[in-house]
Amino acid sequence: MASVKKFLARVDSIDGVEGSLIVKSDGNLLAHSIDRPTHYSSLIALSSKFALTIMDSSGFSFFRTMSFSHGNGEAFHIFPLLQYYLGVIQQPDAPAETIIHHITHLLSHVKAPSQ
C-alpha cells in the first residue's frame, strides 16, 4: 500500500493536478488524495463499463483516457492502469493536453508485478 500512496503522490506532483485516486474495476476504492472519493469512484466504475461495452461493439481494443469537464472549468480524467483505473482531477486553469501527456508518460513506466 505504501507504493500505491507514493504513486499517487507522484501523480499529484504533476503541475495542474489537483488530486487523484485508484479504484478497482468494480469501483472499490484502493487509495485516494481527494475529497469525496466515492463520487469519483462511482463515475469511474460506470463510465469504464460503458467504455468497454462501446469498445466491444465497435471493435476497438482499449481506451487511453476518458475526460469529463465540470461547469467550473475543472476536469476529471480516467486512465486504465493494469487491472485498476486511475482518476485524476485537473485544476481549472491547467491545460488538459499537458496533464494527459504527463500521466500517459508516467503510466508507460508502470510494470505489472512479477508473479
Protein backbone atom coordinates (compact mmCIF):
# COMPACT_ATOMS: atom_id res chain seq x y z
CA MET A 1 0.00 0.00 0.00
CA ALA A 2 2.94 2.35 0.62
CA SER A 3 3.95 2.09 -3.05
CA VAL A 4 0.38 2.99 -4.11
CA LYS A 5 0.46 6.11 -1.93
CA LYS A 6 3.89 7.02 -3.35
CA PHE A 7 2.50 6.58 -6.86
CA LEU A 8 -0.44 8.88 -6.09
CA ALA A 9 1.96 11.42 -4.59
CA ARG A 10 3.93 11.29 -7.86
CA VAL A 11 0.74 11.83 -9.88
CA ASP A 12 -0.31 14.70 -7.59
CA SER A 13 3.10 16.36 -8.07
CA ILE A 14 2.36 16.92 -11.77
CA ASP A 15 1.68 20.59 -12.38
CA GLY A 16 -2.06 21.17 -12.79
CA VAL A 17 -3.20 18.02 -10.94
CA GLU A 18 -5.48 18.73 -8.00
CA GLY A 19 -5.76 15.15 -6.75
CA SER A 20 -6.05 11.52 -7.77
CA LEU A 21 -7.46 8.14 -6.88
CA ILE A 22 -7.06 4.50 -7.84
CA VAL A 23 -10.05 2.18 -7.96
CA LYS A 24 -10.59 -1.44 -8.88
CA SER A 25 -12.66 -2.18 -11.96
CA ASP A 26 -15.72 -2.79 -9.74
CA GLY A 27 -15.45 0.73 -8.28
CA ASN A 28 -13.94 -0.22 -4.92
CA LEU A 29 -11.55 2.46 -3.77
CA LEU A 30 -7.91 1.42 -3.36
CA ALA A 31 -6.30 4.78 -2.46
CA HIS A 32 -7.01 8.48 -2.90
CA SER A 33 -5.78 12.00 -2.26
CA ILE A 34 -9.09 13.81 -2.87
CA ASP A 35 -12.28 14.85 -1.13
CA ARG A 36 -15.44 12.83 -1.96
CA PRO A 37 -13.58 9.87 -3.45
CA THR A 38 -16.74 7.72 -3.59
CA HIS A 39 -18.37 10.15 -6.05
CA TYR A 40 -15.43 9.78 -8.38
CA SER A 41 -15.05 6.01 -7.89
CA SER A 42 -18.69 5.55 -8.91
CA LEU A 43 -18.11 7.66 -12.03
CA ILE A 44 -15.05 5.56 -12.89
CA ALA A 45 -16.88 2.26 -12.44
CA LEU A 46 -19.89 3.28 -14.52
CA SER A 47 -18.04 5.05 -17.32
CA SER A 48 -15.41 2.33 -17.69
CA LYS A 49 -18.12 -0.33 -18.02
CA PHE A 50 -19.84 1.74 -20.73
CA ALA A 51 -16.49 2.35 -22.46
CA LEU A 52 -15.76 -1.39 -22.50
CA THR A 53 -19.20 -2.08 -23.99
CA ILE A 54 -18.64 0.56 -26.68
CA MET A 55 -15.19 -0.85 -27.45
CA ASP A 56 -16.55 -4.38 -27.76
CA SER A 57 -19.40 -3.38 -30.06
CA SER A 58 -17.26 -1.13 -32.27
CA GLY A 59 -14.17 -3.33 -32.47
CA PHE A 60 -11.74 -1.14 -30.53
CA SER A 61 -9.33 -2.88 -28.19
CA PHE A 62 -8.71 -0.30 -25.44
CA PHE A 63 -9.01 3.32 -24.39
CA ARG A 64 -6.16 5.52 -23.21
CA THR A 65 -8.16 8.13 -21.36
CA MET A 66 -11.68 9.40 -20.77
CA SER A 67 -12.26 13.00 -19.81
CA PHE A 68 -15.16 14.77 -18.15
CA SER A 69 -15.48 18.50 -17.63
CA HIS A 70 -17.26 20.36 -14.86
CA GLY A 71 -19.01 23.71 -15.22
CA ASN A 72 -16.38 25.41 -13.04
CA GLY A 73 -13.60 24.57 -15.52
CA GLU A 74 -12.33 21.62 -13.53
CA ALA A 75 -11.86 18.36 -15.44
CA PHE A 76 -11.64 14.71 -14.44
CA HIS A 77 -9.60 12.20 -16.43
CA ILE A 78 -9.72 8.40 -16.21
CA PHE A 79 -6.80 6.19 -17.26
CA PRO A 80 -6.66 2.38 -17.31
CA LEU A 81 -3.89 1.11 -15.03
CA LEU A 82 -3.30 -2.66 -15.18
CA GLN A 83 -6.49 -4.11 -13.59
CA TYR A 84 -7.30 -0.75 -11.97
CA TYR A 85 -8.27 2.75 -13.04
CA LEU A 86 -6.52 6.00 -12.19
CA GLY A 87 -8.72 9.06 -11.80
CA VAL A 88 -7.11 12.50 -11.94
CA ILE A 89 -8.71 15.83 -11.10
CA GLN A 90 -7.36 18.67 -13.21
CA GLN A 91 -7.16 22.20 -11.84
CA PRO A 92 -9.40 24.64 -13.73
CA ASP A 93 -6.57 26.71 -15.22
CA ALA A 94 -4.38 23.77 -16.30
CA PRO A 95 -4.22 22.58 -19.93
CA ALA A 96 -5.75 19.11 -20.29
CA GLU A 97 -3.40 18.06 -23.08
CA THR A 98 -0.33 18.64 -20.90
CA ILE A 99 -1.73 16.70 -17.95
CA ILE A 100 -2.85 13.81 -20.14
CA HIS A 101 0.60 13.72 -21.76
CA HIS A 102 2.40 13.64 -18.39
CA ILE A 103 0.09 11.00 -16.91
CA THR A 104 0.32 8.81 -20.03
CA HIS A 105 4.12 9.07 -19.91
CA LEU A 106 4.14 8.14 -16.22
CA LEU A 107 1.82 5.17 -16.83
CA SER A 108 4.07 3.91 -19.63
CA HIS A 109 6.66 3.13 -16.93
CA VAL A 110 4.28 1.12 -14.72
CA LYS A 111 5.02 -2.59 -14.86
CA ALA A 112 2.78 -5.44 -13.77
CA PRO A 113 4.07 -7.11 -10.62
CA SER A 114 6.06 -10.25 -11.36
CA GLN A 115 4.35 -13.49 -10.44
